């Protein structure tokens, strides 16, 4: 498993939520599950879909780039962004976190575009 190397500074809100992606980290529970239970977990059953919070959906109406980037991510990554927003205890914190996620998605779109041109 690759450890995260970088700063967790709040001064960089553009990529704060994108850090949840933890690029390069391999996170899998299947090996330990198999060791403890003698078999692999049933990965064929459907997983619940991710419901976009109202705060983030409102920001998606303003930015198609953030919306398209969000839906281009794996479901695991979308789930991480949604959980980050939903763990906020106040409505103001949820709105602030949704804004951070939207800004991060726009930055991630620019980063993905520059990588594809390279």
C-alpha atoms as a PDB file:
ATOM      1  CA  UNK A   1       0.000   0.000   0.000  1.00  0.00           C
ATOM      2  CA  UNK A   2       1.392   3.377  -0.996  1.00  0.00           C
ATOM      3  CA  UNK A   3       1.361   6.028   1.700  1.00  0.00           C
ATOM      4  CA  UNK A   4       0.093   9.509   0.932  1.00  0.00           C
ATOM      5  CA  UNK A   5       2.909  11.980   0.536  1.00  0.00           C
ATOM      6  CA  UNK A   6       1.993  15.643   0.540  1.00  0.00           C
ATOM      7  CA  UNK A   7       0.529  18.385   2.642  1.00  0.00           C
ATOM      8  CA  UNK A   8      -2.978  18.467   4.036  1.00  0.00           C
ATOM      9  CA  UNK A   9      -3.096  22.246   4.082  1.00  0.00           C
ATOM     10  CA  UNK A  10      -6.510  23.923   4.191  1.00  0.00           C
ATOM     11  CA  UNK A  11      -4.943  26.723   2.160  1.00  0.00           C
ATOM     12  CA  UNK A  12      -5.328  24.566  -0.950  1.00  0.00           C
ATOM     13  CA  UNK A  13      -9.128  24.117  -1.209  1.00  0.00           C
ATOM     14  CA  UNK A  14      -9.009  23.332  -4.933  1.00  0.00           C
ATOM     15  CA  UNK A  15      -7.670  19.859  -4.285  1.00  0.00           C
ATOM     16  CA  UNK A  16      -8.799  19.277  -0.697  1.00  0.00           C
ATOM     17  CA  UNK A  17     -11.651  16.915  -1.559  1.00  0.00           C
ATOM     18  CA  UNK A  18      -9.708  15.276  -4.386  1.00  0.00           C
ATOM     19  CA  UNK A  19      -7.239  13.983  -1.796  1.00  0.00           C
ATOM     20  CA  UNK A  20      -9.891  11.428  -0.907  1.00  0.00           C
ATOM     21  CA  UNK A  21      -8.956   9.664  -4.111  1.00  0.00           C
ATOM     22  CA  UNK A  22      -5.513   8.861  -2.661  1.00  0.00           C
ATOM     23  CA  UNK A  23      -3.926   8.197  -6.028  1.00  0.00           C
ATOM     24  CA  UNK A  24      -1.654   5.221  -6.014  1.00  0.00           C
ATOM     25  CA  UNK A  25      -3.104   3.699  -2.850  1.00  0.00           C
ATOM     26  CA  UNK A  26      -4.386   0.168  -3.129  1.00  0.00           C
ATOM     27  CA  UNK A  27      -7.279  -0.428  -0.788  1.00  0.00           C
ATOM     28  CA  UNK A  28      -8.818  -3.878  -0.850  1.00  0.00           C
ATOM     29  CA  UNK A  29     -10.505  -5.813   1.937  1.00  0.00           C
ATOM     30  CA  UNK A  30     -10.820  -9.051  -0.051  1.00  0.00           C
ATOM     31  CA  UNK A  31      -7.452 -10.616   0.985  1.00  0.00           C
ATOM     32  CA  UNK A  32      -8.076 -10.117   4.697  1.00  0.00           C
ATOM     33  CA  UNK A  33     -11.716 -11.227   4.348  1.00  0.00           C
ATOM     34  CA  UNK A  34     -10.615 -14.451   2.656  1.00  0.00           C
ATOM     35  CA  UNK A  35      -8.016 -15.065   5.356  1.00  0.00           C
ATOM     36  CA  UNK A  36     -10.559 -14.541   8.164  1.00  0.00           C
ATOM     37  CA  UNK A  37     -13.570 -16.264   6.568  1.00  0.00           C
ATOM     38  CA  UNK A  38     -12.016 -18.879   4.294  1.00  0.00           C
ATOM     39  CA  UNK A  39     -13.493 -17.460   1.081  1.00  0.00           C
ATOM     40  CA  UNK A  40     -13.760 -14.261  -0.897  1.00  0.00           C
ATOM     41  CA  UNK A  41     -16.729 -11.932  -0.331  1.00  0.00           C
ATOM     42  CA  UNK A  42     -19.630 -12.081  -2.795  1.00  0.00           C
ATOM     43  CA  UNK A  43     -18.727  -9.304  -5.223  1.00  0.00           C
ATOM     44  CA  UNK A  44     -21.512 -10.165  -7.674  1.00  0.00           C
ATOM     45  CA  UNK A  45     -24.361  -8.664  -5.652  1.00  0.00           C
ATOM     46  CA  UNK A  46     -25.357  -5.171  -6.694  1.00  0.00           C
ATOM     47  CA  UNK A  47     -24.064  -2.281  -4.648  1.00  0.00           C
ATOM     48  CA  UNK A  48     -26.363   0.573  -3.711  1.00  0.00           C
ATOM     49  CA  UNK A  49     -26.152   3.563  -6.011  1.00  0.00           C
ATOM     50  CA  UNK A  50     -24.676   6.820  -4.793  1.00  0.00           C
ATOM     51  CA  UNK A  51     -27.242   9.549  -4.158  1.00  0.00           C
ATOM     52  CA  UNK A  52     -25.873  13.022  -4.871  1.00  0.00           C
ATOM     53  CA  UNK A  53     -26.520  15.414  -1.949  1.00  0.00           C
ATOM     54  CA  UNK A  54     -28.785  18.392  -2.674  1.00  0.00           C
ATOM     55  CA  UNK A  55     -25.948  20.846  -2.048  1.00  0.00           C
ATOM     56  CA  UNK A  56     -23.745  19.195  -4.649  1.00  0.00           C
ATOM     57  CA  UNK A  57     -26.603  18.770  -7.134  1.00  0.00           C
ATOM     58  CA  UNK A  58     -27.260  22.530  -6.953  1.00  0.00           C
ATOM     59  CA  UNK A  59     -23.609  23.215  -7.769  1.00  0.00           C
ATOM     60  CA  UNK A  60     -23.741  20.728 -10.646  1.00  0.00           C
ATOM     61  CA  UNK A  61     -26.484  22.855 -12.220  1.00  0.00           C
ATOM     62  CA  UNK A  62     -24.008  25.736 -12.314  1.00  0.00           C
ATOM     63  CA  UNK A  63     -21.013  23.751 -13.569  1.00  0.00           C
ATOM     64  CA  UNK A  64     -21.288  21.099 -16.245  1.00  0.00           C
ATOM     65  CA  UNK A  65     -17.547  20.492 -15.989  1.00  0.00           C
ATOM     66  CA  UNK A  66     -17.823  19.487 -12.315  1.00  0.00           C
ATOM     67  CA  UNK A  67     -20.844  17.301 -13.066  1.00  0.00           C
ATOM     68  CA  UNK A  68     -19.242  15.489 -15.994  1.00  0.00           C
ATOM     69  CA  UNK A  69     -16.035  14.923 -14.020  1.00  0.00           C
ATOM     70  CA  UNK A  70     -18.016  13.539 -11.063  1.00  0.00           C
ATOM     71  CA  UNK A  71     -19.862  11.033 -13.245  1.00  0.00           C
ATOM     72  CA  UNK A  72     -16.634   9.988 -14.983  1.00  0.00           C
ATOM     73  CA  UNK A  73     -15.176   8.820 -11.658  1.00  0.00           C
ATOM     74  CA  UNK A  74     -15.482   5.292 -10.294  1.00  0.00           C
ATOM     75  CA  UNK A  75     -18.399   4.703  -7.956  1.00  0.00           C
ATOM     76  CA  UNK A  76     -15.954   4.223  -5.069  1.00  0.00           C
ATOM     77  CA  UNK A  77     -14.559   7.714  -5.615  1.00  0.00           C
ATOM     78  CA  UNK A  78     -18.018   9.270  -5.965  1.00  0.00           C
ATOM     79  CA  UNK A  79     -19.013   7.547  -2.738  1.00  0.00           C
ATOM     80  CA  UNK A  80     -15.996   9.126  -1.000  1.00  0.00           C
ATOM     81  CA  UNK A  81     -16.994  12.625  -2.090  1.00  0.00           C
ATOM     82  CA  UNK A  82     -20.598  12.076  -0.995  1.00  0.00           C
ATOM     83  CA  UNK A  83     -19.535  10.680   2.381  1.00  0.00           C
ATOM     84  CA  UNK A  84     -17.262  13.694   2.912  1.00  0.00           C
ATOM     85  CA  UNK A  85     -20.258  16.007   2.421  1.00  0.00           C
ATOM     86  CA  UNK A  86     -22.707  13.913   4.426  1.00  0.00           C
ATOM     87  CA  UNK A  87     -20.438  13.677   7.473  1.00  0.00           C
ATOM     88  CA  UNK A  88     -20.773  17.420   8.038  1.00  0.00           C
ATOM     89  CA  UNK A  89     -22.975  18.148  11.042  1.00  0.00           C
ATOM     90  CA  UNK A  90     -24.409  21.529  10.027  1.00  0.00           C
ATOM     91  CA  UNK A  91     -25.991  22.742   6.812  1.00  0.00           C
ATOM     92  CA  UNK A  92     -23.348  25.459   6.460  1.00  0.00           C
ATOM     93  CA  UNK A  93     -20.584  22.865   6.712  1.00  0.00           C
ATOM     94  CA  UNK A  94     -22.363  20.683   4.112  1.00  0.00           C
ATOM     95  CA  UNK A  95     -22.575  23.631   1.706  1.00  0.00           C
ATOM     96  CA  UNK A  96     -18.919  24.490   2.264  1.00  0.00           C
ATOM     97  CA  UNK A  97     -17.856  20.882   1.704  1.00  0.00           C
ATOM     98  CA  UNK A  98     -19.997  20.650  -1.433  1.00  0.00           C
ATOM     99  CA  UNK A  99     -18.275  23.782  -2.748  1.00  0.00           C
ATOM    100  CA  UNK A 100     -14.871  22.243  -1.991  1.00  0.00           C
ATOM    101  CA  UNK A 101     -15.853  19.056  -3.832  1.00  0.00           C
ATOM    102  CA  UNK A 102     -17.154  20.992  -6.853  1.00  0.00           C
ATOM    103  CA  UNK A 103     -13.993  23.095  -6.991  1.00  0.00           C
ATOM    104  CA  UNK A 104     -11.863  19.972  -6.683  1.00  0.00           C
ATOM    105  CA  UNK A 105     -13.770  18.301  -9.508  1.00  0.00           C
ATOM    106  CA  UNK A 106     -13.149  21.295 -11.764  1.00  0.00           C
ATOM    107  CA  UNK A 107      -9.443  21.154 -10.883  1.00  0.00           C
ATOM    108  CA  UNK A 108      -9.423  17.405 -11.447  1.00  0.00           C
ATOM    109  CA  UNK A 109     -11.003  17.911 -14.890  1.00  0.00           C
ATOM    110  CA  UNK A 110      -8.242  20.347 -15.808  1.00  0.00           C
ATOM    111  CA  UNK A 111      -5.619  17.925 -14.534  1.00  0.00           C
ATOM    112  CA  UNK A 112      -7.125  15.019 -16.478  1.00  0.00           C
ATOM    113  CA  UNK A 113      -7.252  17.168 -19.633  1.00  0.00           C
ATOM    114  CA  UNK A 114      -3.600  18.173 -19.308  1.00  0.00           C
ATOM    115  CA  UNK A 115      -2.560  14.530 -18.729  1.00  0.00           C
ATOM    116  CA  UNK A 116      -4.405  13.404 -21.854  1.00  0.00           C
ATOM    117  CA  UNK A 117      -2.628  16.056 -23.935  1.00  0.00           C
ATOM    118  CA  UNK A 118       0.796  14.949 -22.674  1.00  0.00           C
END
